[in-house]
Protein backbone atom coordinates (compact mmCIF):
# COMPACT_ATOMS: atom_id res chain seq x y z
CA MET A 1 -1.12 8.60 43.46
CA GLU A 2 1.72 7.64 45.78
CA ASN A 3 2.38 4.20 44.26
CA LEU A 4 1.18 5.00 40.76
CA GLY A 5 3.64 4.77 37.91
CA TYR A 6 6.74 2.95 36.70
CA THR A 7 9.98 4.67 35.74
CA GLU A 8 12.48 1.88 35.06
CA PRO A 9 13.49 1.29 31.42
CA LEU A 10 11.14 -1.19 29.76
CA TYR A 11 11.97 -2.96 26.50
CA ILE A 12 9.01 -5.15 25.61
CA LEU A 13 8.67 -7.87 23.01
CA PRO A 14 4.89 -8.26 22.58
CA PHE A 15 3.66 -11.53 21.12
CA ASP A 16 0.25 -11.80 22.71
CA HIS A 17 -1.27 -11.66 19.21
CA ARG A 18 -3.91 -14.32 18.68
CA ALA A 19 -6.48 -13.27 16.08
CA THR A 20 -3.63 -11.98 13.90
CA PHE A 21 -2.04 -15.43 13.78
CA ALA A 22 -5.36 -17.14 13.06
CA GLN A 23 -6.34 -14.73 10.32
CA LYS A 24 -3.06 -13.97 8.57
CA ILE A 25 -1.36 -17.35 8.78
CA PHE A 26 -4.26 -19.78 8.64
CA ASN A 27 -6.92 -17.61 6.95
CA LYS A 28 -9.40 -18.30 9.73
CA ASN A 29 -12.12 -15.86 10.71
CA SER A 30 -11.42 -16.31 14.40
CA ILE A 31 -9.34 -18.22 16.92
CA ALA A 32 -12.31 -20.52 17.51
CA ASP A 33 -11.99 -21.78 13.92
CA LEU A 34 -8.45 -23.08 14.42
CA THR A 35 -7.85 -26.81 14.32
CA SER A 36 -5.97 -28.50 17.13
CA LYS A 37 -2.91 -28.75 14.87
CA GLU A 38 -3.05 -25.05 13.99
CA HIS A 39 -3.37 -24.17 17.65
CA GLN A 40 -0.25 -26.23 18.35
CA LEU A 41 1.64 -24.50 15.54
CA ILE A 42 0.87 -21.03 16.93
CA THR A 43 2.08 -22.23 20.32
CA GLU A 44 5.29 -23.41 18.65
CA TYR A 45 5.77 -20.10 16.83
CA LYS A 46 5.44 -18.28 20.13
CA GLN A 47 8.06 -20.56 21.67
CA ILE A 48 10.41 -19.57 18.87
CA ILE A 49 9.74 -15.88 19.49
CA TYR A 50 10.40 -16.42 23.17
CA GLU A 51 13.69 -18.14 22.37
CA GLY A 52 14.62 -15.10 20.28
CA PHE A 53 13.80 -12.84 23.20
CA LYS A 54 15.95 -14.88 25.58
CA LYS A 55 18.84 -14.85 23.13
CA ALA A 56 18.60 -11.04 22.92
CA VAL A 57 18.85 -10.86 26.70
CA GLN A 58 21.77 -13.28 26.73
CA THR A 59 23.61 -11.16 24.18
CA GLY A 60 23.14 -7.71 25.64
CA ILE A 61 19.69 -6.41 26.61
CA PRO A 62 19.59 -5.99 30.41
CA LYS A 63 17.43 -8.74 31.87
CA GLU A 64 15.85 -6.47 34.47
CA ASN A 65 14.57 -4.15 31.72
CA ALA A 66 13.59 -6.71 29.07
CA ALA A 67 10.00 -7.92 29.14
CA ILE A 68 7.59 -10.19 27.32
CA LEU A 69 3.95 -9.39 26.66
CA ILE A 70 2.16 -12.71 26.31
CA ASP A 71 -1.25 -14.38 26.46
CA GLU A 72 -2.36 -17.37 28.47
CA GLU A 73 -4.08 -19.25 25.64
CA PHE A 74 -0.96 -19.95 23.57
CA GLY A 75 1.67 -18.93 26.09
CA ASP A 76 1.01 -20.85 29.29
CA GLU A 77 4.35 -22.70 29.21
CA ILE A 78 6.17 -19.51 28.25
CA VAL A 79 4.73 -17.58 31.19
CA ARG A 80 5.64 -20.38 33.59
CA ASN A 81 9.19 -20.57 32.26
CA ALA A 82 9.63 -16.80 32.28
CA LYS A 83 8.42 -16.73 35.87
CA GLU A 84 10.98 -19.38 36.86
CA GLU A 85 13.80 -17.58 35.06
CA GLY A 86 12.97 -14.16 36.46
CA TYR A 87 11.93 -12.24 33.36
CA VAL A 88 9.55 -9.29 33.49
CA ILE A 89 6.11 -10.52 32.37
CA LEU A 90 3.14 -8.57 31.08
CA LEU A 91 0.01 -10.71 30.84
CA THR A 92 -2.82 -9.68 28.55
CA THR A 93 -6.44 -9.76 29.70
CA GLU A 94 -8.51 -8.83 26.65
CA LYS A 95 -10.21 -11.06 24.12
CA SER A 96 -8.28 -10.82 20.86
CA GLY A 97 -9.63 -9.34 17.65
CA GLN A 98 -12.54 -7.38 19.16
CA GLU A 99 -13.61 -3.87 18.20
CA GLU A 100 -14.81 -3.30 21.77
CA PHE A 101 -12.81 -4.33 24.82
CA GLU A 102 -14.01 -7.59 26.30
CA PHE A 103 -12.30 -9.70 28.93
CA GLN A 104 -10.80 -12.95 27.64
CA TYR A 105 -12.39 -15.04 30.36
CA ASN A 106 -15.81 -13.44 30.74
CA GLY A 107 -14.73 -11.00 33.39
CA ASP A 108 -12.92 -13.55 35.54
CA PHE A 109 -9.63 -11.86 34.80
CA PRO A 110 -8.52 -11.70 38.48
CA ALA A 111 -8.24 -15.49 38.77
CA HIS A 112 -6.22 -15.72 35.57
CA ILE A 113 -3.85 -12.96 36.69
CA GLU A 114 -3.41 -14.48 40.15
CA LYS A 115 -2.67 -17.81 38.48
CA TYR A 116 0.65 -16.40 37.24
CA SER A 117 1.26 -13.23 39.32
CA PRO A 118 3.01 -11.29 36.52
CA GLN A 119 4.57 -7.93 37.23
CA PHE A 120 2.18 -6.20 34.80
CA VAL A 121 -1.44 -6.57 33.76
CA LYS A 122 -2.09 -5.39 30.22
CA VAL A 123 -5.22 -4.27 28.39
CA LEU A 124 -5.61 -3.24 24.75
CA ILE A 125 -8.51 -1.00 23.77
CA LYS A 126 -9.58 1.01 20.75
CA TYR A 127 -10.69 4.40 21.99
CA ASN A 128 -11.34 7.74 20.34
CA PRO A 129 -12.79 10.75 22.24
CA LYS A 130 -15.28 11.09 19.36
CA ASP A 131 -16.61 7.54 19.76
CA GLY A 132 -20.19 7.06 20.88
CA GLU A 133 -20.82 7.79 24.55
CA ASP A 134 -22.35 4.36 25.23
CA LEU A 135 -19.33 2.56 23.78
CA LYS A 136 -16.94 4.72 25.76
CA ALA A 137 -18.90 4.21 28.98
CA ARG A 138 -18.86 0.42 28.64
CA GLN A 139 -15.12 0.34 28.04
CA LEU A 140 -14.37 2.78 30.84
CA GLU A 141 -16.36 0.70 33.30
CA LYS A 142 -14.26 -2.39 32.52
CA LEU A 143 -11.00 -0.46 32.60
CA LYS A 144 -11.89 0.90 36.03
CA LEU A 145 -12.26 -2.69 37.24
CA VAL A 146 -8.71 -3.42 36.06
CA THR A 147 -7.36 -0.26 37.69
CA ASP A 148 -8.96 -1.10 41.02
CA PHE A 149 -7.79 -4.72 40.91
CA CYS A 150 -4.19 -3.77 40.12
CA GLN A 151 -4.05 -1.12 42.82
CA VAL A 152 -5.46 -3.44 45.48
CA LYS A 153 -3.28 -6.41 44.51
CA GLY A 154 -0.09 -4.49 43.76
CA TYR A 155 0.23 -5.22 40.04
CA LYS A 156 1.39 -2.61 37.58
CA PHE A 157 -1.13 -1.75 34.86
CA LEU A 158 -0.07 -1.18 31.25
CA LEU A 159 -2.77 0.20 28.98
CA GLU A 160 -2.39 0.04 25.21
CA VAL A 161 -4.68 2.41 23.34
CA LEU A 162 -5.16 2.36 19.58
CA LEU A 163 -6.71 5.66 18.58
CA ILE A 164 -8.64 4.76 15.44
CA ALA A 165 -10.09 7.56 13.31
CA THR A 166 -13.87 7.81 13.21
CA LYS A 167 -15.70 7.81 9.90
CA GLU A 168 -16.00 11.59 9.99
CA GLN A 169 -12.33 12.02 10.87
CA LYS A 170 -11.28 9.75 8.01
CA GLU A 171 -13.40 11.73 5.59
CA SER A 172 -11.85 14.99 6.78
CA VAL A 173 -8.37 13.74 5.85
CA SER A 174 -9.40 11.84 2.70
CA SER A 175 -8.79 8.54 4.50
CA SER A 176 -5.09 9.28 4.86
CA LYS A 177 -3.65 7.60 7.96
CA GLU A 178 -0.52 9.71 7.61
CA VAL A 179 -2.46 12.99 7.59
CA PHE A 180 -4.60 11.82 10.53
CA ASP A 181 -1.46 10.95 12.50
CA LYS A 182 0.13 14.32 11.83
CA THR A 183 -2.84 16.64 12.21
CA MET A 184 -5.30 14.99 14.59
CA ARG A 185 -3.94 12.05 16.59
CA PRO A 186 -1.66 13.98 19.00
CA ASP A 187 -4.46 16.29 20.25
CA LEU A 188 -6.95 13.42 20.37
CA THR A 189 -4.46 11.39 22.42
CA VAL A 190 -4.23 14.13 25.04
CA LYS A 191 -8.04 14.29 25.20
CA MET A 192 -8.22 10.50 25.46
CA ILE A 193 -5.81 10.41 28.38
CA LYS A 194 -7.76 13.07 30.25
CA GLU A 195 -11.07 11.30 29.65
CA LEU A 196 -9.73 8.03 31.01
CA GLN A 197 -8.14 9.69 34.02
CA ASN A 198 -11.39 11.50 34.81
CA ALA A 199 -13.14 8.12 34.74
CA GLY A 200 -10.72 6.71 37.32
CA VAL A 201 -8.65 4.70 34.84
CA GLU A 202 -5.05 4.91 36.06
CA PRO A 203 -2.40 2.99 34.11
CA ASP A 204 1.13 2.98 35.41
CA VAL A 205 2.40 2.86 31.84
CA TRP A 206 0.69 3.98 28.63
CA LYS A 207 1.50 2.03 25.48
CA LEU A 208 0.86 4.32 22.53
CA GLU A 209 1.72 4.72 18.87
CA GLY A 210 4.77 6.84 18.15
CA PHE A 211 4.73 10.53 17.33
CA ASP A 212 6.71 12.58 14.85
CA THR A 213 8.07 15.32 17.11
CA ALA A 214 9.53 15.58 20.60
CA GLU A 215 7.00 18.32 21.39
CA GLU A 216 4.15 15.90 20.73
CA TYR A 217 5.69 13.32 23.05
CA LYS A 218 6.14 16.00 25.71
CA GLU A 219 2.48 17.01 25.48
CA ILE A 220 1.43 13.38 25.91
CA ILE A 221 3.72 12.92 28.93
CA GLU A 222 2.43 16.15 30.45
CA ALA A 223 -1.13 14.82 30.23
CA ALA A 224 -0.15 11.38 31.52
CA ARG A 225 1.67 12.89 34.52
CA ALA A 226 -0.88 15.58 35.38
CA ASN A 227 -2.17 16.15 38.91
CA GLY A 228 0.41 14.21 40.86
CA ARG A 229 0.89 11.30 38.45
CA SER A 230 4.59 12.14 38.29
CA ASN A 231 5.86 8.58 37.79
CA VAL A 232 3.47 7.50 35.05
CA SER A 233 5.35 6.70 31.85
CA LEU A 234 5.03 5.84 28.18
CA VAL A 235 6.33 3.06 25.94
CA ILE A 236 6.19 3.36 22.16
CA LEU A 237 4.34 0.62 20.32
CA GLY A 238 5.26 -0.56 16.85
CA ARG A 239 1.78 -0.96 15.30
CA GLY A 240 3.23 -3.45 12.81
CA GLU A 241 4.93 -0.60 10.97
CA ASN A 242 8.03 -1.07 8.85
CA GLU A 243 11.40 -0.92 10.54
CA GLU A 244 12.23 2.55 9.22
CA LYS A 245 9.08 4.11 10.69
CA VAL A 246 9.58 2.47 14.07
CA ASP A 247 13.21 3.65 14.05
CA GLU A 248 11.98 7.22 13.53
CA TRP A 249 9.50 7.01 16.42
CA LEU A 250 12.16 5.64 18.76
CA GLU A 251 14.78 8.19 17.70
CA VAL A 252 12.42 11.08 18.42
CA GLY A 253 10.93 9.69 21.62
CA LYS A 254 14.00 8.34 23.38
CA SER A 255 15.23 11.73 24.56
CA VAL A 256 11.90 12.75 26.12
CA THR A 257 11.64 12.34 29.89
CA GLY A 258 8.88 9.90 30.69
CA VAL A 259 9.34 7.78 27.57
CA ILE A 260 10.91 4.71 29.16
CA GLY A 261 11.04 2.22 26.31
CA PHE A 262 9.21 0.49 23.53
CA ALA A 263 6.95 -2.44 22.73
CA VAL A 264 7.65 -3.67 19.22
CA GLY A 265 6.30 -7.06 18.17
CA ARG A 266 5.32 -7.84 14.60
CA THR A 267 8.09 -5.66 13.16
CA VAL A 268 10.50 -7.87 15.12
CA PHE A 269 9.14 -11.35 14.47
CA TRP A 270 6.51 -11.51 11.73
CA GLN A 271 8.73 -11.91 8.66
CA ALA A 272 11.04 -14.28 10.53
CA ILE A 273 8.14 -16.55 11.53
CA SER A 274 6.72 -16.38 8.00
CA ASP A 275 10.07 -17.49 6.60
CA PHE A 276 10.27 -20.32 9.12
CA ARG A 277 6.77 -21.45 8.21
CA SER A 278 7.62 -21.45 4.49
CA GLY A 279 10.80 -23.45 5.14
CA THR A 280 13.22 -20.77 3.94
CA LYS A 281 14.73 -20.39 7.41
CA THR A 282 15.66 -22.96 10.03
CA ARG A 283 14.49 -22.68 13.61
CA GLU A 284 17.95 -21.58 14.70
CA GLU A 285 18.11 -18.91 11.98
CA THR A 286 14.65 -17.69 12.95
CA VAL A 287 15.56 -17.38 16.63
CA SER A 288 18.73 -15.48 15.71
CA LEU A 289 16.88 -13.08 13.41
CA ILE A 290 14.24 -12.29 16.03
CA SER A 291 17.00 -11.70 18.56
CA GLU A 292 18.85 -9.40 16.17
CA ASN A 293 15.73 -7.41 15.29
CA PHE A 294 14.76 -6.90 18.94
CA THR A 295 18.32 -5.97 19.85
CA ASN A 296 18.43 -3.46 17.01
CA PHE A 297 15.50 -1.51 18.43
CA TYR A 298 17.10 -1.64 21.87
CA ARG A 299 20.31 -0.16 20.46
CA ILE A 300 18.43 2.60 18.66
CA PHE A 301 16.51 3.55 21.79
CA THR A 302 19.51 3.50 24.09
CA ALA A 303 22.08 5.11 21.76
CA LYS A 304 23.29 8.51 22.94
């Protein structure tokens, strides 16, 4: 546990979304259905988001704490530029749009990480302690591979977990996401963390949905830092929520020791990119809006 964890502030702009762009912008079932032109457009949109990120850094967010979370498929040039310019890079490894965690490149993730040598390796999974044991075992086996690789090679590991309600859990709260979040998700998150730790999965940083109370955040941090994991930390993800909800999560979480930052993506850039695509905003206006939105969350999180 000696080298496990990361405690520096971390303000992440995630735009490693792939299936979301294909489905919601181009109405395609999968990334594989994109035309060459559509693929180029997504690459362009990501360049615009990256420009917005850089402008936010230029106008106030500390460079050493600002980070991009990006994919190789649409972000190769971005990763290379960010590497040259000294930005913190988190590179995703999972195939996009899957219910079960699969590696993007058929398990050959080490070669694709070593290609860029980012500071962080990132994985997104959907995991609920009440999921089937076979599903959990398959995902845990792959996550252990990532843990071992990162520890041997010296990369930091950021694990994003979406805790999706099971059918039975949904029925018990009349399919209310809000009720599930308030009454079940905090306890399930603690159980999830313990299950992954017991399986040898050791992220340096957990990327989790926000919580409504400081006590809930503290319980999550206590679980994440149990048994000598004293430097393991948490960043709050945005989940595509509206700005007001993300503001609430950041306001509550920012004062809790161990909560080192946030990772807010779609809430920052989605409407801006949609407006650019429709022609109602210029490229320059879009870059400025993304910069302003990202900076706003930074100011909320860092305000005393």
